[in-house]
mmCIF file of all heavy atoms, coordinates in Angstrom:
data_MODEL
# 
_entry.id   MODEL 
# 
loop_
_atom_site.group_PDB 
_atom_site.id 
_atom_site.type_symbol 
_atom_site.label_atom_id 
_atom_site.label_alt_id 
_atom_site.label_comp_id 
_atom_site.label_asym_id 
_atom_site.label_entity_id 
_atom_site.label_seq_id 
_atom_site.pdbx_PDB_ins_code 
_atom_site.Cartn_x 
_atom_site.Cartn_y 
_atom_site.Cartn_z 
_atom_site.occupancy 
_atom_site.B_iso_or_equiv 
_atom_site.pdbx_formal_charge 
_atom_site.auth_seq_id 
_atom_site.auth_comp_id 
_atom_site.auth_asym_id 
_atom_site.auth_atom_id 
_atom_site.pdbx_PDB_model_num 
ATOM 1   N N   . ILE A 1 1  ? 6.580   10.831  5.909   1.00 0.00 ? 1  ILE A N   1 
ATOM 2   C CA  . ILE A 1 1  ? 6.033   9.619   5.876   1.00 0.00 ? 1  ILE A CA  1 
ATOM 3   C C   . ILE A 1 1  ? 4.789   9.755   4.819   1.00 0.00 ? 1  ILE A C   1 
ATOM 4   O O   . ILE A 1 1  ? 4.419   10.768  4.334   1.00 0.00 ? 1  ILE A O   1 
ATOM 5   C CB  . ILE A 1 1  ? 5.466   9.157   7.267   1.00 0.00 ? 1  ILE A CB  1 
ATOM 6   C CG1 . ILE A 1 1  ? 4.477   10.162  7.752   1.00 0.00 ? 1  ILE A CG1 1 
ATOM 7   C CG2 . ILE A 1 1  ? 6.565   8.971   8.262   1.00 0.00 ? 1  ILE A CG2 1 
ATOM 8   C CD1 . ILE A 1 1  ? 3.747   9.743   8.968   1.00 0.00 ? 1  ILE A CD1 1 
ATOM 9   N N   . GLY A 1 2  ? 4.222   8.688   4.472   1.00 0.00 ? 2  GLY A N   1 
ATOM 10  C CA  . GLY A 1 2  ? 3.124   8.459   3.598   1.00 0.00 ? 2  GLY A CA  1 
ATOM 11  C C   . GLY A 1 2  ? 2.400   7.280   3.486   1.00 0.00 ? 2  GLY A C   1 
ATOM 12  O O   . GLY A 1 2  ? 2.767   6.382   4.261   1.00 0.00 ? 2  GLY A O   1 
ATOM 13  N N   . GLU A 1 3  ? 1.499   7.028   2.665   1.00 0.00 ? 3  GLU A N   1 
ATOM 14  C CA  . GLU A 1 3  ? 0.747   5.873   2.557   1.00 0.00 ? 3  GLU A CA  1 
ATOM 15  C C   . GLU A 1 3  ? 0.758   5.267   1.131   1.00 0.00 ? 3  GLU A C   1 
ATOM 16  O O   . GLU A 1 3  ? 0.822   6.034   0.104   1.00 0.00 ? 3  GLU A O   1 
ATOM 17  C CB  . GLU A 1 3  ? -0.777  6.100   2.835   1.00 0.00 ? 3  GLU A CB  1 
ATOM 18  C CG  . GLU A 1 3  ? -0.962  6.651   4.259   1.00 0.00 ? 3  GLU A CG  1 
ATOM 19  C CD  . GLU A 1 3  ? -2.430  6.972   4.506   1.00 0.00 ? 3  GLU A CD  1 
ATOM 20  O OE1 . GLU A 1 3  ? -3.195  7.191   3.566   1.00 0.00 ? 3  GLU A OE1 1 
ATOM 21  O OE2 . GLU A 1 3  ? -2.941  6.846   5.718   1.00 0.00 ? 3  GLU A OE2 1 
ATOM 22  N N   . ILE A 1 4  ? 0.948   3.950   0.993   1.00 0.00 ? 4  ILE A N   1 
ATOM 23  C CA  . ILE A 1 4  ? 0.900   3.263   -0.258  1.00 0.00 ? 4  ILE A CA  1 
ATOM 24  C C   . ILE A 1 4  ? -0.312  2.346   -0.314  1.00 0.00 ? 4  ILE A C   1 
ATOM 25  O O   . ILE A 1 4  ? -0.480  1.450   0.681   1.00 0.00 ? 4  ILE A O   1 
ATOM 26  C CB  . ILE A 1 4  ? 2.211   2.506   -0.414  1.00 0.00 ? 4  ILE A CB  1 
ATOM 27  C CG1 . ILE A 1 4  ? 3.440   3.539   -0.591  1.00 0.00 ? 4  ILE A CG1 1 
ATOM 28  C CG2 . ILE A 1 4  ? 2.164   1.631   -1.697  1.00 0.00 ? 4  ILE A CG2 1 
ATOM 29  C CD1 . ILE A 1 4  ? 4.741   2.809   -0.712  1.00 0.00 ? 4  ILE A CD1 1 
ATOM 30  N N   . PHE A 1 5  ? -1.073  2.331   -1.282  1.00 0.00 ? 5  PHE A N   1 
ATOM 31  C CA  . PHE A 1 5  ? -2.203  1.494   -1.542  1.00 0.00 ? 5  PHE A CA  1 
ATOM 32  C C   . PHE A 1 5  ? -1.915  0.447   -2.646  1.00 0.00 ? 5  PHE A C   1 
ATOM 33  O O   . PHE A 1 5  ? -1.648  0.923   -3.761  1.00 0.00 ? 5  PHE A O   1 
ATOM 34  C CB  . PHE A 1 5  ? -3.537  2.211   -1.641  1.00 0.00 ? 5  PHE A CB  1 
ATOM 35  C CG  . PHE A 1 5  ? -3.893  3.034   -0.590  1.00 0.00 ? 5  PHE A CG  1 
ATOM 36  C CD1 . PHE A 1 5  ? -3.550  4.407   -0.542  1.00 0.00 ? 5  PHE A CD1 1 
ATOM 37  C CD2 . PHE A 1 5  ? -4.661  2.528   0.458   1.00 0.00 ? 5  PHE A CD2 1 
ATOM 38  C CE1 . PHE A 1 5  ? -3.907  5.125   0.582   1.00 0.00 ? 5  PHE A CE1 1 
ATOM 39  C CE2 . PHE A 1 5  ? -5.130  3.334   1.457   1.00 0.00 ? 5  PHE A CE2 1 
ATOM 40  C CZ  . PHE A 1 5  ? -4.724  4.621   1.588   1.00 0.00 ? 5  PHE A CZ  1 
ATOM 41  N N   . ILE A 1 6  ? -1.887  -0.841  -2.270  1.00 0.00 ? 6  ILE A N   1 
ATOM 42  C CA  . ILE A 1 6  ? -1.635  -1.934  -3.329  1.00 0.00 ? 6  ILE A CA  1 
ATOM 43  C C   . ILE A 1 6  ? -2.978  -2.323  -3.905  1.00 0.00 ? 6  ILE A C   1 
ATOM 44  O O   . ILE A 1 6  ? -3.755  -3.011  -3.188  1.00 0.00 ? 6  ILE A O   1 
ATOM 45  C CB  . ILE A 1 6  ? -0.877  -3.081  -2.768  1.00 0.00 ? 6  ILE A CB  1 
ATOM 46  C CG1 . ILE A 1 6  ? 0.420   -2.479  -2.023  1.00 0.00 ? 6  ILE A CG1 1 
ATOM 47  C CG2 . ILE A 1 6  ? -0.401  -3.994  -3.939  1.00 0.00 ? 6  ILE A CG2 1 
ATOM 48  C CD1 . ILE A 1 6  ? 1.408   -1.745  -2.799  1.00 0.00 ? 6  ILE A CD1 1 
ATOM 49  N N   . VAL A 1 7  ? -3.245  -2.103  -5.217  1.00 0.00 ? 7  VAL A N   1 
ATOM 50  C CA  . VAL A 1 7  ? -4.495  -2.508  -5.739  1.00 0.00 ? 7  VAL A CA  1 
ATOM 51  C C   . VAL A 1 7  ? -4.172  -3.882  -6.650  1.00 0.00 ? 7  VAL A C   1 
ATOM 52  O O   . VAL A 1 7  ? -3.224  -3.863  -7.318  1.00 0.00 ? 7  VAL A O   1 
ATOM 53  C CB  . VAL A 1 7  ? -5.095  -1.567  -6.750  1.00 0.00 ? 7  VAL A CB  1 
ATOM 54  C CG1 . VAL A 1 7  ? -6.398  -2.004  -7.304  1.00 0.00 ? 7  VAL A CG1 1 
ATOM 55  C CG2 . VAL A 1 7  ? -5.286  -0.301  -5.967  1.00 0.00 ? 7  VAL A CG2 1 
ATOM 56  N N   . SER A 1 8  ? -4.870  -4.918  -6.387  1.00 0.00 ? 8  SER A N   1 
ATOM 57  C CA  . SER A 1 8  ? -4.640  -6.260  -7.013  1.00 0.00 ? 8  SER A CA  1 
ATOM 58  C C   . SER A 1 8  ? -5.961  -6.965  -7.534  1.00 0.00 ? 8  SER A C   1 
ATOM 59  O O   . SER A 1 8  ? -6.924  -6.376  -7.271  1.00 0.00 ? 8  SER A O   1 
ATOM 60  C CB  . SER A 1 8  ? -3.825  -7.157  -6.125  1.00 0.00 ? 8  SER A CB  1 
ATOM 61  O OG  . SER A 1 8  ? -4.697  -7.717  -5.113  1.00 0.00 ? 8  SER A OG  1 
ATOM 62  N N   . THR A 1 9  ? -5.702  -8.023  -8.160  1.00 0.00 ? 9  THR A N   1 
ATOM 63  C CA  . THR A 1 9  ? -6.790  -8.873  -8.518  1.00 0.00 ? 9  THR A CA  1 
ATOM 64  C C   . THR A 1 9  ? -7.164  -9.874  -7.620  1.00 0.00 ? 9  THR A C   1 
ATOM 65  O O   . THR A 1 9  ? -8.021  -10.858 -7.819  1.00 0.00 ? 9  THR A O   1 
ATOM 66  C CB  . THR A 1 9  ? -6.396  -9.545  -9.966  1.00 0.00 ? 9  THR A CB  1 
ATOM 67  O OG1 . THR A 1 9  ? -5.253  -10.372 -9.829  1.00 0.00 ? 9  THR A OG1 1 
ATOM 68  C CG2 . THR A 1 9  ? -6.289  -8.505  -11.001 1.00 0.00 ? 9  THR A CG2 1 
ATOM 69  N N   . ASP A 1 10 ? -6.539  -9.864  -6.405  1.00 0.00 ? 10 ASP A N   1 
ATOM 70  C CA  . ASP A 1 10 ? -6.755  -10.880 -5.434  1.00 0.00 ? 10 ASP A CA  1 
ATOM 71  C C   . ASP A 1 10 ? -8.152  -10.625 -4.839  1.00 0.00 ? 10 ASP A C   1 
ATOM 72  O O   . ASP A 1 10 ? -8.663  -9.586  -4.512  1.00 0.00 ? 10 ASP A O   1 
ATOM 73  C CB  . ASP A 1 10 ? -5.824  -10.644 -4.192  1.00 0.00 ? 10 ASP A CB  1 
ATOM 74  C CG  . ASP A 1 10 ? -5.815  -11.860 -3.248  1.00 0.00 ? 10 ASP A CG  1 
ATOM 75  O OD1 . ASP A 1 10 ? -6.836  -12.158 -2.641  1.00 0.00 ? 10 ASP A OD1 1 
ATOM 76  O OD2 . ASP A 1 10 ? -4.726  -12.471 -3.054  1.00 0.00 ? 10 ASP A OD2 1 
ATOM 77  N N   . LYS A 1 11 ? -8.986  -11.750 -4.763  1.00 0.00 ? 11 LYS A N   1 
ATOM 78  C CA  . LYS A 1 11 ? -10.360 -11.650 -4.326  1.00 0.00 ? 11 LYS A CA  1 
ATOM 79  C C   . LYS A 1 11 ? -10.549 -11.516 -2.815  1.00 0.00 ? 11 LYS A C   1 
ATOM 80  O O   . LYS A 1 11 ? -11.497 -11.020 -2.403  1.00 0.00 ? 11 LYS A O   1 
ATOM 81  C CB  . LYS A 1 11 ? -11.102 -13.002 -4.850  1.00 0.00 ? 11 LYS A CB  1 
ATOM 82  C CG  . LYS A 1 11 ? -11.201 -13.112 -6.309  1.00 0.00 ? 11 LYS A CG  1 
ATOM 83  C CD  . LYS A 1 11 ? -11.974 -14.304 -6.786  1.00 0.00 ? 11 LYS A CD  1 
ATOM 84  C CE  . LYS A 1 11 ? -12.034 -14.385 -8.381  1.00 0.00 ? 11 LYS A CE  1 
ATOM 85  N NZ  . LYS A 1 11 ? -12.776 -15.675 -8.787  1.00 0.00 ? 11 LYS A NZ  1 
ATOM 86  N N   . VAL A 1 12 ? -9.508  -12.042 -2.116  1.00 0.00 ? 12 VAL A N   1 
ATOM 87  C CA  . VAL A 1 12 ? -9.705  -11.895 -0.627  1.00 0.00 ? 12 VAL A CA  1 
ATOM 88  C C   . VAL A 1 12 ? -9.246  -10.652 -0.179  1.00 0.00 ? 12 VAL A C   1 
ATOM 89  O O   . VAL A 1 12 ? -9.820  -9.972  0.690   1.00 0.00 ? 12 VAL A O   1 
ATOM 90  C CB  . VAL A 1 12 ? -8.728  -13.055 -0.004  1.00 0.00 ? 12 VAL A CB  1 
ATOM 91  C CG1 . VAL A 1 12 ? -8.778  -12.936 1.491   1.00 0.00 ? 12 VAL A CG1 1 
ATOM 92  C CG2 . VAL A 1 12 ? -9.298  -14.480 -0.454  1.00 0.00 ? 12 VAL A CG2 1 
ATOM 93  N N   . ALA A 1 13 ? -8.056  -10.099 -0.641  1.00 0.00 ? 13 ALA A N   1 
ATOM 94  C CA  . ALA A 1 13 ? -7.569  -8.851  -0.222  1.00 0.00 ? 13 ALA A CA  1 
ATOM 95  C C   . ALA A 1 13 ? -7.221  -7.993  -1.494  1.00 0.00 ? 13 ALA A C   1 
ATOM 96  O O   . ALA A 1 13 ? -6.051  -7.862  -1.895  1.00 0.00 ? 13 ALA A O   1 
ATOM 97  C CB  . ALA A 1 13 ? -6.317  -8.983  0.584   1.00 0.00 ? 13 ALA A CB  1 
ATOM 98  N N   . PRO A 1 14 ? -8.243  -7.443  -2.214  1.00 0.00 ? 14 PRO A N   1 
ATOM 99  C CA  . PRO A 1 14 ? -7.995  -6.688  -3.351  1.00 0.00 ? 14 PRO A CA  1 
ATOM 100 C C   . PRO A 1 14 ? -7.277  -5.379  -3.218  1.00 0.00 ? 14 PRO A C   1 
ATOM 101 O O   . PRO A 1 14 ? -6.708  -4.891  -4.247  1.00 0.00 ? 14 PRO A O   1 
ATOM 102 C CB  . PRO A 1 14 ? -9.419  -6.426  -3.914  1.00 0.00 ? 14 PRO A CB  1 
ATOM 103 C CG  . PRO A 1 14 ? -10.321 -6.413  -2.802  1.00 0.00 ? 14 PRO A CG  1 
ATOM 104 C CD  . PRO A 1 14 ? -9.688  -7.514  -1.830  1.00 0.00 ? 14 PRO A CD  1 
ATOM 105 N N   . LYS A 1 15 ? -7.160  -4.945  -2.001  1.00 0.00 ? 15 LYS A N   1 
ATOM 106 C CA  . LYS A 1 15 ? -6.541  -3.668  -1.696  1.00 0.00 ? 15 LYS A CA  1 
ATOM 107 C C   . LYS A 1 15 ? -5.785  -3.658  -0.274  1.00 0.00 ? 15 LYS A C   1 
ATOM 108 O O   . LYS A 1 15 ? -6.570  -3.961  0.647   1.00 0.00 ? 15 LYS A O   1 
ATOM 109 C CB  . LYS A 1 15 ? -7.418  -2.469  -1.835  1.00 0.00 ? 15 LYS A CB  1 
ATOM 110 C CG  . LYS A 1 15 ? -6.703  -0.990  -1.853  1.00 0.00 ? 15 LYS A CG  1 
ATOM 111 C CD  . LYS A 1 15 ? -7.771  0.040   -2.186  1.00 0.00 ? 15 LYS A CD  1 
ATOM 112 C CE  . LYS A 1 15 ? -6.986  1.403   -2.366  1.00 0.00 ? 15 LYS A CE  1 
ATOM 113 N NZ  . LYS A 1 15 ? -7.939  2.427   -2.771  1.00 0.00 ? 15 LYS A NZ  1 
ATOM 114 N N   . LEU A 1 16 ? -4.508  -3.573  -0.209  1.00 0.00 ? 16 LEU A N   1 
ATOM 115 C CA  . LEU A 1 16 ? -3.842  -3.386  1.047   1.00 0.00 ? 16 LEU A CA  1 
ATOM 116 C C   . LEU A 1 16 ? -3.281  -2.036  1.213   1.00 0.00 ? 16 LEU A C   1 
ATOM 117 O O   . LEU A 1 16 ? -2.788  -1.384  0.148   1.00 0.00 ? 16 LEU A O   1 
ATOM 118 C CB  . LEU A 1 16 ? -2.748  -4.449  1.024   1.00 0.00 ? 16 LEU A CB  1 
ATOM 119 C CG  . LEU A 1 16 ? -3.128  -5.909  1.229   1.00 0.00 ? 16 LEU A CG  1 
ATOM 120 C CD1 . LEU A 1 16 ? -1.879  -6.786  1.454   1.00 0.00 ? 16 LEU A CD1 1 
ATOM 121 C CD2 . LEU A 1 16 ? -4.000  -6.089  2.481   1.00 0.00 ? 16 LEU A CD2 1 
ATOM 122 N N   . ALA A 1 17 ? -3.154  -1.476  2.295   1.00 0.00 ? 17 ALA A N   1 
ATOM 123 C CA  . ALA A 1 17 ? -2.631  -0.255  2.558   1.00 0.00 ? 17 ALA A CA  1 
ATOM 124 C C   . ALA A 1 17 ? -1.453  -0.382  3.566   1.00 0.00 ? 17 ALA A C   1 
ATOM 125 O O   . ALA A 1 17 ? -1.481  -0.980  4.572   1.00 0.00 ? 17 ALA A O   1 
ATOM 126 C CB  . ALA A 1 17 ? -3.760  0.653   3.236   1.00 0.00 ? 17 ALA A CB  1 
ATOM 127 N N   . LEU A 1 18 ? -0.320  0.334   3.206   1.00 0.00 ? 18 LEU A N   1 
ATOM 128 C CA  . LEU A 1 18 ? 0.806   0.455   4.040   1.00 0.00 ? 18 LEU A CA  1 
ATOM 129 C C   . LEU A 1 18 ? 0.770   1.953   4.628   1.00 0.00 ? 18 LEU A C   1 
ATOM 130 O O   . LEU A 1 18 ? 1.061   2.862   3.837   1.00 0.00 ? 18 LEU A O   1 
ATOM 131 C CB  . LEU A 1 18 ? 2.045   0.212   3.277   1.00 0.00 ? 18 LEU A CB  1 
ATOM 132 C CG  . LEU A 1 18 ? 2.484   -1.303  3.097   1.00 0.00 ? 18 LEU A CG  1 
ATOM 133 C CD1 . LEU A 1 18 ? 1.434   -2.000  2.262   1.00 0.00 ? 18 LEU A CD1 1 
ATOM 134 C CD2 . LEU A 1 18 ? 3.858   -1.432  2.432   1.00 0.00 ? 18 LEU A CD2 1 
ATOM 135 N N   . HIS A 1 19 ? 0.415   2.075   5.842   1.00 0.00 ? 19 HIS A N   1 
ATOM 136 C CA  . HIS A 1 19 ? 0.254   3.451   6.517   1.00 0.00 ? 19 HIS A CA  1 
ATOM 137 C C   . HIS A 1 19 ? 1.546   3.979   7.152   1.00 0.00 ? 19 HIS A C   1 
ATOM 138 O O   . HIS A 1 19 ? 2.248   3.091   7.835   1.00 0.00 ? 19 HIS A O   1 
ATOM 139 C CB  . HIS A 1 19 ? -0.932  3.482   7.496   1.00 0.00 ? 19 HIS A CB  1 
ATOM 140 C CG  . HIS A 1 19 ? -2.249  3.123   6.863   1.00 0.00 ? 19 HIS A CG  1 
ATOM 141 N ND1 . HIS A 1 19 ? -2.979  3.965   6.046   1.00 0.00 ? 19 HIS A ND1 1 
ATOM 142 C CD2 . HIS A 1 19 ? -2.936  1.930   6.977   1.00 0.00 ? 19 HIS A CD2 1 
ATOM 143 C CE1 . HIS A 1 19 ? -4.059  3.373   5.695   1.00 0.00 ? 19 HIS A CE1 1 
ATOM 144 N NE2 . HIS A 1 19 ? -4.149  2.121   6.254   1.00 0.00 ? 19 HIS A NE2 1 
ATOM 145 N N   . GLY A 1 20 ? 1.688   5.198   6.975   1.00 0.00 ? 20 GLY A N   1 
ATOM 146 C CA  . GLY A 1 20 ? 2.723   5.902   7.776   1.00 0.00 ? 20 GLY A CA  1 
ATOM 147 C C   . GLY A 1 20 ? 4.178   5.384   7.635   1.00 0.00 ? 20 GLY A C   1 
ATOM 148 O O   . GLY A 1 20 ? 4.956   5.212   8.620   1.00 0.00 ? 20 GLY A O   1 
ATOM 149 N N   . ILE A 1 21 ? 4.640   4.997   6.404   1.00 0.00 ? 21 ILE A N   1 
ATOM 150 C CA  . ILE A 1 21 ? 5.922   4.446   6.170   1.00 0.00 ? 21 ILE A CA  1 
ATOM 151 C C   . ILE A 1 21 ? 6.884   5.545   5.771   1.00 0.00 ? 21 ILE A C   1 
ATOM 152 O O   . ILE A 1 21 ? 6.509   6.554   5.048   1.00 0.00 ? 21 ILE A O   1 
ATOM 153 C CB  . ILE A 1 21 ? 5.904   3.323   5.195   1.00 0.00 ? 21 ILE A CB  1 
ATOM 154 C CG1 . ILE A 1 21 ? 5.369   3.756   3.808   1.00 0.00 ? 21 ILE A CG1 1 
ATOM 155 C CG2 . ILE A 1 21 ? 5.061   2.156   5.594   1.00 0.00 ? 21 ILE A CG2 1 
ATOM 156 C CD1 . ILE A 1 21 ? 5.433   2.806   2.706   1.00 0.00 ? 21 ILE A CD1 1 
ATOM 157 N N   . HIS A 1 22 ? 8.080   5.384   6.238   1.00 0.00 ? 22 HIS A N   1 
ATOM 158 C CA  . HIS A 1 22 ? 9.162   6.491   5.756   1.00 0.00 ? 22 HIS A CA  1 
ATOM 159 C C   . HIS A 1 22 ? 9.584   6.242   4.369   1.00 0.00 ? 22 HIS A C   1 
ATOM 160 O O   . HIS A 1 22 ? 9.673   5.120   3.897   1.00 0.00 ? 22 HIS A O   1 
ATOM 161 C CB  . HIS A 1 22 ? 10.249  6.315   6.758   1.00 0.00 ? 22 HIS A CB  1 
ATOM 162 C CG  . HIS A 1 22 ? 10.100  6.827   8.150   1.00 0.00 ? 22 HIS A CG  1 
ATOM 163 N ND1 . HIS A 1 22 ? 9.989   8.026   8.496   1.00 0.00 ? 22 HIS A ND1 1 
ATOM 164 C CD2 . HIS A 1 22 ? 9.844   6.048   9.261   1.00 0.00 ? 22 HIS A CD2 1 
ATOM 165 C CE1 . HIS A 1 22 ? 9.866   8.191   9.753   1.00 0.00 ? 22 HIS A CE1 1 
ATOM 166 N NE2 . HIS A 1 22 ? 9.688   7.037   10.252  1.00 0.00 ? 22 HIS A NE2 1 
ATOM 167 N N   . ASP A 1 23 ? 9.854   7.431   3.736   1.00 0.00 ? 23 ASP A N   1 
ATOM 168 C CA  . ASP A 1 23 ? 10.356  7.428   2.342   1.00 0.00 ? 23 ASP A CA  1 
ATOM 169 C C   . ASP A 1 23 ? 9.344   6.625   1.518   1.00 0.00 ? 23 ASP A C   1 
ATOM 170 O O   . ASP A 1 23 ? 9.704   5.701   0.772   1.00 0.00 ? 23 ASP A O   1 
ATOM 171 C CB  . ASP A 1 23 ? 11.736  6.845   2.166   1.00 0.00 ? 23 ASP A CB  1 
ATOM 172 C CG  . ASP A 1 23 ? 12.473  7.333   0.979   1.00 0.00 ? 23 ASP A CG  1 
ATOM 173 O OD1 . ASP A 1 23 ? 11.765  8.029   0.115   1.00 0.00 ? 23 ASP A OD1 1 
ATOM 174 O OD2 . ASP A 1 23 ? 13.627  7.069   0.848   1.00 0.00 ? 23 ASP A OD2 1 
ATOM 175 N N   . PRO A 1 24 ? 8.026   6.877   1.377   1.00 0.00 ? 24 PRO A N   1 
ATOM 176 C CA  . PRO A 1 24 ? 6.997   6.092   0.650   1.00 0.00 ? 24 PRO A CA  1 
ATOM 177 C C   . PRO A 1 24 ? 7.295   6.008   -0.776  1.00 0.00 ? 24 PRO A C   1 
ATOM 178 O O   . PRO A 1 24 ? 6.955   4.951   -1.376  1.00 0.00 ? 24 PRO A O   1 
ATOM 179 C CB  . PRO A 1 24 ? 5.734   6.913   1.034   1.00 0.00 ? 24 PRO A CB  1 
ATOM 180 C CG  . PRO A 1 24 ? 6.121   8.209   1.387   1.00 0.00 ? 24 PRO A CG  1 
ATOM 181 C CD  . PRO A 1 24 ? 7.490   8.144   2.045   1.00 0.00 ? 24 PRO A CD  1 
ATOM 182 N N   . LEU A 1 25 ? 7.730   7.120   -1.396  1.00 0.00 ? 25 LEU A N   1 
ATOM 183 C CA  . LEU A 1 25 ? 8.040   7.089   -2.859  1.00 0.00 ? 25 LEU A CA  1 
ATOM 184 C C   . LEU A 1 25 ? 9.023   5.959   -3.175  1.00 0.00 ? 25 LEU A C   1 
ATOM 185 O O   . LEU A 1 25 ? 8.910   5.259   -4.202  1.00 0.00 ? 25 LEU A O   1 
ATOM 186 C CB  . LEU A 1 25 ? 8.513   8.407   -3.400  1.00 0.00 ? 25 LEU A CB  1 
ATOM 187 C CG  . LEU A 1 25 ? 7.428   9.418   -3.596  1.00 0.00 ? 25 LEU A CG  1 
ATOM 188 C CD1 . LEU A 1 25 ? 7.921   10.713  -4.028  1.00 0.00 ? 25 LEU A CD1 1 
ATOM 189 C CD2 . LEU A 1 25 ? 6.344   8.826   -4.682  1.00 0.00 ? 25 LEU A CD2 1 
ATOM 190 N N   . LYS A 1 26 ? 10.039  5.894   -2.404  1.00 0.00 ? 26 LYS A N   1 
ATOM 191 C CA  . LYS A 1 26 ? 11.041  4.869   -2.626  1.00 0.00 ? 26 LYS A CA  1 
ATOM 192 C C   . LYS A 1 26 ? 10.522  3.450   -2.441  1.00 0.00 ? 26 LYS A C   1 
ATOM 193 O O   . LYS A 1 26 ? 10.832  2.618   -3.368  1.00 0.00 ? 26 LYS A O   1 
ATOM 194 C CB  . LYS A 1 26 ? 12.221  5.086   -1.660  1.00 0.00 ? 26 LYS A CB  1 
ATOM 195 C CG  . LYS A 1 26 ? 13.358  4.027   -1.756  1.00 0.00 ? 26 LYS A CG  1 
ATOM 196 C CD  . LYS A 1 26 ? 14.485  4.250   -0.805  1.00 0.00 ? 26 LYS A CD  1 
ATOM 197 C CE  . LYS A 1 26 ? 15.581  3.233   -0.939  1.00 0.00 ? 26 LYS A CE  1 
ATOM 198 N NZ  . LYS A 1 26 ? 16.586  3.509   0.151   1.00 0.00 ? 26 LYS A NZ  1 
ATOM 199 N N   . ILE A 1 27 ? 9.622   3.267   -1.477  1.00 0.00 ? 27 ILE A N   1 
ATOM 200 C CA  . ILE A 1 27 ? 9.055   1.917   -1.347  1.00 0.00 ? 27 ILE A CA  1 
ATOM 201 C C   . ILE A 1 27 ? 8.102   1.601   -2.527  1.00 0.00 ? 27 ILE A C   1 
ATOM 202 O O   . ILE A 1 27 ? 8.065   0.572   -2.974  1.00 0.00 ? 27 ILE A O   1 
ATOM 203 C CB  . ILE A 1 27 ? 8.386   1.786   -0.026  1.00 0.00 ? 27 ILE A CB  1 
ATOM 204 C CG1 . ILE A 1 27 ? 9.210   2.213   1.247   1.00 0.00 ? 27 ILE A CG1 1 
ATOM 205 C CG2 . ILE A 1 27 ? 7.800   0.416   0.202   1.00 0.00 ? 27 ILE A CG2 1 
ATOM 206 C CD1 . ILE A 1 27 ? 10.660  1.260   1.190   1.00 0.00 ? 27 ILE A CD1 1 
# 
């Protein structure tokens, strides 16, 4: 498992985290 952090220009949610997902590189 692993974590993916999505960095964006969104002012409300500039960074979202997907924790503990299987096959994180594929996602």
